[in-house]
PDB file of N, CA and C in Angstrom:
ATOM      1  N   MET A   1      29.418   8.759  17.838  1.00  0.00           N
ATOM      2  CA  MET A   1      28.584   8.037  16.888  1.00  0.00           C
ATOM      3  C   MET A   1      29.346   7.954  15.566  1.00  0.00           C
ATOM      4  N   SER A   2      29.454   6.756  15.056  1.00  0.00           N
ATOM      5  CA  SER A   2      30.196   6.556  13.808  1.00  0.00           C
ATOM      6  C   SER A   2      29.326   6.882  12.589  1.00  0.00           C
ATOM      7  N   ILE A   3      29.972   6.987  11.453  1.00  0.00           N
ATOM      8  CA  ILE A   3      29.258   7.236  10.201  1.00  0.00           C
ATOM      9  C   ILE A   3      28.310   6.079   9.888  1.00  0.00           C
ATOM     10  N   PHE A   4      28.710   4.866  10.289  1.00  0.00           N
ATOM     11  CA  PHE A   4      27.852   3.691  10.109  1.00  0.00           C
ATOM     12  C   PHE A   4      26.562   3.849  10.904  1.00  0.00           C
ATOM     13  N   ASP A   5      26.673   4.292  12.170  1.00  0.00           N
ATOM     14  CA  ASP A   5      25.498   4.492  13.019  1.00  0.00           C
ATOM     15  C   ASP A   5      24.565   5.554  12.434  1.00  0.00           C
ATOM     16  N   VAL A   6      25.142   6.631  11.940  1.00  0.00           N
ATOM     17  CA  VAL A   6      24.348   7.712  11.349  1.00  0.00           C
ATOM     18  C   VAL A   6      23.631   7.210  10.100  1.00  0.00           C
ATOM     19  N   THR A   7      24.342   6.483   9.259  1.00  0.00           N
ATOM     20  CA  THR A   7      23.752   5.945   8.029  1.00  0.00           C
ATOM     21  C   THR A   7      22.627   4.972   8.355  1.00  0.00           C
ATOM     22  N   LEU A   8      22.870   4.081   9.323  1.00  0.00           N
ATOM     23  CA  LEU A   8      21.849   3.121   9.734  1.00  0.00           C
ATOM     24  C   LEU A   8      20.610   3.843  10.256  1.00  0.00           C
ATOM     25  N   HIS A   9      20.818   4.879  11.052  1.00  0.00           N
ATOM     26  CA  HIS A   9      19.702   5.666  11.581  1.00  0.00           C
ATOM     27  C   HIS A   9      18.905   6.314  10.448  1.00  0.00           C
ATOM     28  N   MET A  10      19.605   6.858   9.446  1.00  0.00           N
ATOM     29  CA  MET A  10      18.928   7.503   8.320  1.00  0.00           C
ATOM     30  C   MET A  10      18.116   6.480   7.521  1.00  0.00           C
ATOM     31  N   ILE A  11      18.652   5.285   7.341  1.00  0.00           N
ATOM     32  CA  ILE A  11      17.932   4.239   6.609  1.00  0.00           C
ATOM     33  C   ILE A  11      16.676   3.837   7.369  1.00  0.00           C
ATOM     34  N   LYS A  12      16.796   3.638   8.680  1.00  0.00           N
ATOM     35  CA  LYS A  12      15.641   3.270   9.499  1.00  0.00           C
ATOM     36  C   LYS A  12      14.566   4.352   9.416  1.00  0.00           C
ATOM     37  N   PHE A  13      14.981   5.620   9.461  1.00  0.00           N
ATOM     38  CA  PHE A  13      14.027   6.731   9.382  1.00  0.00           C
ATOM     39  C   PHE A  13      13.298   6.722   8.040  1.00  0.00           C
ATOM     40  N   LYS A  14      14.022   6.522   6.945  1.00  0.00           N
ATOM     41  CA  LYS A  14      13.398   6.514   5.620  1.00  0.00           C
ATOM     42  C   LYS A  14      12.412   5.358   5.471  1.00  0.00           C
ATOM     43  N   VAL A  15      12.799   4.186   5.938  1.00  0.00           N
ATOM     44  CA  VAL A  15      11.911   3.023   5.851  1.00  0.00           C
ATOM     45  C   VAL A  15      10.664   3.262   6.687  1.00  0.00           C
ATOM     46  N   THR A  16      10.839   3.754   7.901  1.00  0.00           N
ATOM     47  CA  THR A  16       9.702   4.030   8.780  1.00  0.00           C
ATOM     48  C   THR A  16       8.794   5.092   8.176  1.00  0.00           C
ATOM     49  N   SER A  17       9.369   6.146   7.644  1.00  0.00           N
ATOM     50  CA  SER A  17       8.573   7.217   7.031  1.00  0.00           C
ATOM     51  C   SER A  17       7.771   6.701   5.846  1.00  0.00           C
ATOM     52  N   ARG A  18       8.383   5.880   5.009  1.00  0.00           N
ATOM     53  CA  ARG A  18       7.679   5.333   3.847  1.00  0.00           C
ATOM     54  C   ARG A  18       6.575   4.380   4.275  1.00  0.00           C
ATOM     55  N   LEU A  19       6.840   3.564   5.279  1.00  0.00           N
ATOM     56  CA  LEU A  19       5.838   2.640   5.782  1.00  0.00           C
ATOM     57  C   LEU A  19       4.650   3.406   6.351  1.00  0.00           C
ATOM     58  N   MET A  20       4.921   4.471   7.120  1.00  0.00           N
ATOM     59  CA  MET A  20       3.842   5.275   7.687  1.00  0.00           C
ATOM     60  C   MET A  20       3.028   5.930   6.575  1.00  0.00           C
ATOM     61  N   PHE A  21       3.694   6.436   5.533  1.00  0.00           N
ATOM     62  CA  PHE A  21       2.982   7.042   4.411  1.00  0.00           C
ATOM     63  C   PHE A  21       2.116   6.002   3.723  1.00  0.00           C
ATOM     64  N   PHE A  22       2.652   4.794   3.522  1.00  0.00           N
ATOM     65  CA  PHE A  22       1.903   3.730   2.878  1.00  0.00           C
ATOM     66  C   PHE A  22       0.668   3.374   3.709  1.00  0.00           C
ATOM     67  N   MET A  23       0.841   3.227   5.021  1.00  0.00           N
ATOM     68  CA  MET A  23      -0.277   2.872   5.887  1.00  0.00           C
ATOM     69  C   MET A  23      -1.329   3.978   5.879  1.00  0.00           C
ATOM     70  N   THR A  24      -0.896   5.231   5.922  1.00  0.00           N
ATOM     71  CA  THR A  24      -1.826   6.352   5.881  1.00  0.00           C
ATOM     72  C   THR A  24      -2.576   6.368   4.557  1.00  0.00           C
ATOM     73  N   SER A  25      -1.876   6.156   3.453  1.00  0.00           N
ATOM     74  CA  SER A  25      -2.511   6.137   2.138  1.00  0.00           C
ATOM     75  C   SER A  25      -3.503   4.984   2.032  1.00  0.00           C
ATOM     76  N   LYS A  26      -3.103   3.822   2.526  1.00  0.00           N
ATOM     77  CA  LYS A  26      -3.956   2.638   2.482  1.00  0.00           C
ATOM     78  C   LYS A  26      -5.228   2.869   3.307  1.00  0.00           C
ATOM     79  N   THR A  27      -5.079   3.455   4.471  1.00  0.00           N
ATOM     80  CA  THR A  27      -6.224   3.761   5.326  1.00  0.00           C
ATOM     81  C   THR A  27      -7.120   4.792   4.656  1.00  0.00           C
ATOM     82  N   GLN A  28      -6.532   5.799   4.042  1.00  0.00           N
ATOM     83  CA  GLN A  28      -7.299   6.838   3.361  1.00  0.00           C
ATOM     84  C   GLN A  28      -8.144   6.233   2.251  1.00  0.00           C
ATOM     85  N   VAL A  29      -7.595   5.312   1.493  1.00  0.00           N
ATOM     86  CA  VAL A  29      -8.334   4.646   0.409  1.00  0.00           C
ATOM     87  C   VAL A  29      -9.514   3.870   0.994  1.00  0.00           C
ATOM     88  N   LYS A  30      -9.295   3.171   2.099  1.00  0.00           N
ATOM     89  CA  LYS A  30     -10.378   2.418   2.739  1.00  0.00           C
ATOM     90  C   LYS A  30     -11.500   3.348   3.194  1.00  0.00           C
ATOM     91  N   ILE A  31     -11.136   4.489   3.747  1.00  0.00           N
ATOM     92  CA  ILE A  31     -12.142   5.461   4.196  1.00  0.00           C
ATOM     93  C   ILE A  31     -12.920   5.993   3.001  1.00  0.00           C
ATOM     94  N   GLU A  32     -12.213   6.327   1.937  1.00  0.00           N
ATOM     95  CA  GLU A  32     -12.866   6.855   0.745  1.00  0.00           C
ATOM     96  C   GLU A  32     -13.815   5.835   0.113  1.00  0.00           C
ATOM     97  N   LYS A  33     -13.482   4.545   0.177  1.00  0.00           N
ATOM     98  CA  LYS A  33     -14.338   3.507  -0.385  1.00  0.00           C
ATOM     99  C   LYS A  33     -15.566   3.244   0.480  1.00  0.00           C
ATOM    100  N   SER A  34     -15.479   3.556   1.758  1.00  0.00           N
ATOM    101  CA  SER A  34     -16.620   3.323   2.646  1.00  0.00           C
ATOM    102  C   SER A  34     -17.642   4.451   2.480  1.00  0.00           C
ATOM    103  N   GLU A  35     -18.771   4.292   3.097  1.00  0.00           N
ATOM    104  CA  GLU A  35     -19.801   5.321   3.036  1.00  0.00           C
ATOM    105  C   GLU A  35     -19.713   6.258   4.237  1.00  0.00           C
ATOM    106  N   LEU A  36     -18.642   6.154   5.024  1.00  0.00           N
ATOM    107  CA  LEU A  36     -18.478   6.994   6.203  1.00  0.00           C
ATOM    108  C   LEU A  36     -17.730   8.271   5.855  1.00  0.00           C
ATOM    109  N   SER A  37     -18.188   9.369   6.407  1.00  0.00           N
ATOM    110  CA  SER A  37     -17.469  10.622   6.233  1.00  0.00           C
ATOM    111  C   SER A  37     -16.426  10.735   7.350  1.00  0.00           C
ATOM    112  N   THR A  38     -15.474  11.611   7.154  1.00  0.00           N
ATOM    113  CA  THR A  38     -14.461  11.834   8.187  1.00  0.00           C
ATOM    114  C   THR A  38     -15.122  12.308   9.470  1.00  0.00           C
ATOM    115  N   GLY A  39     -16.138  13.160   9.347  1.00  0.00           N
ATOM    116  CA  GLY A  39     -16.870  13.659  10.515  1.00  0.00           C
ATOM    117  C   GLY A  39     -17.543  12.539  11.295  1.00  0.00           C
ATOM    118  N   GLU A  40     -18.103  11.567  10.564  1.00  0.00           N
ATOM    119  CA  GLU A  40     -18.736  10.426  11.235  1.00  0.00           C
ATOM    120  C   GLU A  40     -17.706   9.577  11.977  1.00  0.00           C
ATOM    121  N   LEU A  41     -16.547   9.396  11.370  1.00  0.00           N
ATOM    122  CA  LEU A  41     -15.487   8.635  12.032  1.00  0.00           C
ATOM    123  C   LEU A  41     -15.004   9.356  13.298  1.00  0.00           C
ATOM    124  N   ILE A  42     -14.822  10.656  13.188  1.00  0.00           N
ATOM    125  CA  ILE A  42     -14.375  11.439  14.345  1.00  0.00           C
ATOM    126  C   ILE A  42     -15.407  11.346  15.463  1.00  0.00           C
ATOM    127  N   SER A  43     -16.682  11.504  15.129  1.00  0.00           N
ATOM    128  CA  SER A  43     -17.738  11.404  16.144  1.00  0.00           C
ATOM    129  C   SER A  43     -17.751  10.037  16.804  1.00  0.00           C
ATOM    130  N   TYR A  44     -17.547   9.003  16.018  1.00  0.00           N
ATOM    131  CA  TYR A  44     -17.527   7.638  16.534  1.00  0.00           C
ATOM    132  C   TYR A  44     -16.402   7.455  17.556  1.00  0.00           C
ATOM    133  N   PHE A  45     -15.207   7.925  17.234  1.00  0.00           N
ATOM    134  CA  PHE A  45     -14.071   7.728  18.126  1.00  0.00           C
ATOM    135  C   PHE A  45     -14.046   8.714  19.296  1.00  0.00           C
ATOM    136  N   ARG A  46     -14.826   9.795  19.222  1.00  0.00           N
ATOM    137  CA  ARG A  46     -14.919  10.735  20.349  1.00  0.00           C
ATOM    138  C   ARG A  46     -15.907  10.275  21.413  1.00  0.00           C
ATOM    139  N   GLU A  47     -16.715   9.279  21.086  1.00  0.00           N
ATOM    140  CA  GLU A  47     -17.697   8.781  22.033  1.00  0.00           C
ATOM    141  C   GLU A  47     -16.982   8.273  23.286  1.00  0.00           C
ATOM    142  N   LYS A  48     -17.569   8.567  24.457  1.00  0.00           N
ATOM    143  CA  LYS A  48     -16.934   8.188  25.721  1.00  0.00           C
ATOM    144  C   LYS A  48     -17.502   6.899  26.284  1.00  0.00           C
ATOM    145  N   CYS A  49     -16.677   6.231  27.068  1.00  0.00           N
ATOM    146  CA  CYS A  49     -17.040   4.983  27.725  1.00  0.00           C
ATOM    147  C   CYS A  49     -17.702   5.299  29.067  1.00  0.00           C
ATOM    148  N   SER A  50     -18.790   4.616  29.353  1.00  0.00           N
ATOM    149  CA  SER A  50     -19.491   4.851  30.625  1.00  0.00           C
ATOM    150  C   SER A  50     -18.768   4.208  31.810  1.00  0.00           C
ATOM    151  N   ILE A  51     -17.846   3.312  31.548  1.00  0.00           N
ATOM    152  CA  ILE A  51     -17.110   2.651  32.626  1.00  0.00           C
ATOM    153  C   ILE A  51     -15.926   3.499  33.092  1.00  0.00           C
ATOM    154  N   CYS A  52     -15.097   3.938  32.139  1.00  0.00           N
ATOM    155  CA  CYS A  52     -13.867   4.654  32.510  1.00  0.00           C
ATOM    156  C   CYS A  52     -13.852   6.116  32.077  1.00  0.00           C
ATOM    157  N   ALA A  53     -14.802   6.532  31.265  1.00  0.00           N
ATOM    158  CA  ALA A  53     -14.938   7.905  30.752  1.00  0.00           C
ATOM    159  C   ALA A  53     -13.860   8.289  29.738  1.00  0.00           C
ATOM    160  N   HIS A  54     -13.089   7.316  29.245  1.00  0.00           N
ATOM    161  CA  HIS A  54     -12.132   7.596  28.181  1.00  0.00           C
ATOM    162  C   HIS A  54     -12.824   7.433  26.829  1.00  0.00           C
ATOM    163  N   HIS A  55     -12.296   8.137  25.828  1.00  0.00           N
ATOM    164  CA  HIS A  55     -12.847   8.042  24.480  1.00  0.00           C
ATOM    165  C   HIS A  55     -12.622   6.649  23.899  1.00  0.00           C
ATOM    166  N   ARG A  56     -13.463   6.304  22.943  1.00  0.00           N
ATOM    167  CA  ARG A  56     -13.386   4.992  22.284  1.00  0.00           C
ATOM    168  C   ARG A  56     -11.998   4.735  21.708  1.00  0.00           C
ATOM    169  N   ILE A  57     -11.338   5.760  21.216  1.00  0.00           N
ATOM    170  CA  ILE A  57     -10.034   5.576  20.579  1.00  0.00           C
ATOM    171  C   ILE A  57      -8.965   5.120  21.571  1.00  0.00           C
ATOM    172  N   MET A  58      -9.210   5.291  22.847  1.00  0.00           N
ATOM    173  CA  MET A  58      -8.261   4.847  23.869  1.00  0.00           C
ATOM    174  C   MET A  58      -8.399   3.354  24.162  1.00  0.00           C
ATOM    175  N   HIS A  59      -9.406   2.720  23.591  1.00  0.00           N
ATOM    176  CA  HIS A  59      -9.638   1.295  23.783  1.00  0.00           C
ATOM    177  C   HIS A  59      -9.040   0.521  22.609  1.00  0.00           C
ATOM    178  N   ASN A  60      -8.461  -0.631  22.901  1.00  0.00           N
ATOM    179  CA  ASN A  60      -7.845  -1.429  21.834  1.00  0.00           C
ATOM    180  C   ASN A  60      -8.915  -2.188  21.044  1.00  0.00           C
ATOM    181  N   ASP A  61      -8.489  -2.990  20.107  1.00  0.00           N
ATOM    182  CA  ASP A  61      -9.428  -3.702  19.240  1.00  0.00           C
ATOM    183  C   ASP A  61     -10.258  -4.745  19.987  1.00  0.00           C
ATOM    184  N   LEU A  62      -9.845  -5.121  21.183  1.00  0.00           N
ATOM    185  CA  LEU A  62     -10.623  -6.047  22.003  1.00  0.00           C
ATOM    186  C   LEU A  62     -11.555  -5.326  22.970  1.00  0.00           C
ATOM    187  N   GLY A  63     -11.456  -3.989  23.017  1.00  0.00           N
ATOM    188  CA  GLY A  63     -12.320  -3.188  23.877  1.00  0.00           C
ATOM    189  C   GLY A  63     -11.686  -2.742  25.178  1.00  0.00           C
ATOM    190  N   LYS A  64     -10.512  -3.277  25.523  1.00  0.00           N
ATOM    191  CA  LYS A  64      -9.859  -2.919  26.778  1.00  0.00           C
ATOM    192  C   LYS A  64      -9.267  -1.521  26.689  1.00  0.00           C
ATOM    193  N   CYS A  65      -9.473  -0.724  27.740  1.00  0.00           N
ATOM    194  CA  CYS A  65      -8.943   0.636  27.757  1.00  0.00           C
ATOM    195  C   CYS A  65      -7.444   0.601  28.014  1.00  0.00           C
ATOM    196  N   GLU A  66      -6.712   1.334  27.187  1.00  0.00           N
ATOM    197  CA  GLU A  66      -5.258   1.402  27.325  1.00  0.00           C
ATOM    198  C   GLU A  66      -4.810   2.695  27.973  1.00  0.00           C
ATOM    199  N   GLY A  67      -5.749   3.519  28.404  1.00  0.00           N
ATOM    200  CA  GLY A  67      -5.407   4.760  29.091  1.00  0.00           C
ATOM    201  C   GLY A  67      -5.097   5.890  28.136  1.00  0.00           C
ATOM    202  N   VAL A  68      -4.633   6.997  28.719  1.00  0.00           N
ATOM    203  CA  VAL A  68      -4.357   8.207  27.957  1.00  0.00           C
ATOM    204  C   VAL A  68      -2.884   8.560  28.099  1.00  0.00           C
ATOM    205  N   MET A  69      -2.254   8.847  26.971  1.00  0.00           N
ATOM    206  CA  MET A  69      -0.835   9.195  26.923  1.00  0.00           C
ATOM    207  C   MET A  69      -0.032   8.076  27.601  1.00  0.00           C
ATOM    208  N   ASN A  70       0.752   8.399  28.591  1.00  0.00           N
ATOM    209  CA  ASN A  70       1.559   7.399  29.291  1.00  0.00           C
ATOM    210  C   ASN A  70       0.924   6.979  30.610  1.00  0.00           C
ATOM    211  N   LYS A  71      -0.356   7.281  30.784  1.00  0.00           N
ATOM    212  CA  LYS A  71      -1.046   6.952  32.025  1.00  0.00           C
ATOM    213  C   LYS A  71      -2.020   5.805  31.767  1.00  0.00           C
ATOM    214  N   PRO A  72      -1.763   4.638  32.335  1.00  0.00           N
ATOM    215  CA  PRO A  72      -2.677   3.513  32.112  1.00  0.00           C
ATOM    216  C   PRO A  72      -4.037   3.769  32.768  1.00  0.00           C
ATOM    217  N   CYS A  73      -5.050   3.149  32.225  1.00  0.00           N
ATOM    218  CA  CYS A  73      -6.394   3.255  32.797  1.00  0.00           C
ATOM    219  C   CYS A  73      -6.429   2.426  34.073  1.00  0.00           C
ATOM    220  N   THR A  74      -6.895   3.028  35.152  1.00  0.00           N
ATOM    221  CA  THR A  74      -6.920   2.340  36.444  1.00  0.00           C
ATOM    222  C   THR A  74      -8.319   1.884  36.836  1.00  0.00           C
ATOM    223  N   SER A  75      -9.281   2.028  35.939  1.00  0.00           N
ATOM    224  CA  SER A  75     -10.662   1.667  36.272  1.00  0.00           C
ATOM    225  C   SER A  75     -10.937   0.175  36.094  1.00  0.00           C
ATOM    226  N   GLY A  76     -10.029  -0.520  35.437  1.00  0.00           N
ATOM    227  CA  GLY A  76     -10.241  -1.940  35.162  1.00  0.00           C
ATOM    228  C   GLY A  76     -11.176  -2.175  33.986  1.00  0.00           C
ATOM    229  N   CYS A  77     -11.353  -1.171  33.161  1.00  0.00           N
ATOM    230  CA  CYS A  77     -12.249  -1.251  32.009  1.00  0.00           C
ATOM    231  C   CYS A  77     -11.679  -2.214  30.974  1.00  0.00           C
ATOM    232  N   ASP A  78     -12.395  -3.309  30.744  1.00  0.00           N
ATOM    233  CA  ASP A  78     -11.923  -4.267  29.745  1.00  0.00           C
ATOM    234  C   ASP A  78     -12.899  -4.429  28.586  1.00  0.00           C
ATOM    235  N   LYS A  79     -13.902  -3.550  28.539  1.00  0.00           N
ATOM    236  CA  LYS A  79     -14.841  -3.572  27.424  1.00  0.00           C
ATOM    237  C   LYS A  79     -15.460  -2.179  27.281  1.00  0.00           C
ATOM    238  N   PHE A  80     -15.407  -1.626  26.059  1.00  0.00           N
ATOM    239  CA  PHE A  80     -15.992  -0.304  25.824  1.00  0.00           C
ATOM    240  C   PHE A  80     -17.503  -0.384  25.951  1.00  0.00           C
ATOM    241  N   ASN A  81     -18.065   0.532  26.723  1.00  0.00           N
ATOM    242  CA  ASN A  81     -19.518   0.613  26.907  1.00  0.00           C
ATOM    243  C   ASN A  81     -19.904   2.084  26.704  1.00  0.00           C
ATOM    244  N   ALA A  82     -20.550   2.391  25.600  1.00  0.00           N
ATOM    245  CA  ALA A  82     -20.880   3.782  25.261  1.00  0.00           C
ATOM    246  C   ALA A  82     -21.773   4.418  26.305  1.00  0.00           C
ATOM    247  N   GLU A  83     -21.518   5.705  26.567  1.00  0.00           N
ATOM    248  CA  GLU A  83     -22.346   6.465  27.518  1.00  0.00           C
ATOM    249  C   GLU A  83     -23.749   6.615  26.988  1.00  0.00           C
TER     250      GLU A  83
END
């Protein structure tokens, strides 16, 4: 690995780290401005789906289940339905 590769890797890491911090800060501000507590948000995302039994957080913004970790959901769940 050349010095150029190492430098490029370090730059990518710094940019990614700053972007993640910015996104986290931006999200934190949105949460603080809302009337929701952190506990309410956690409870909301811990709710399970009656179709696939995965938590709400495993479903994308369209409701389709994306599975857990590297294991795709095999139930065919394409819409979150609370238990």
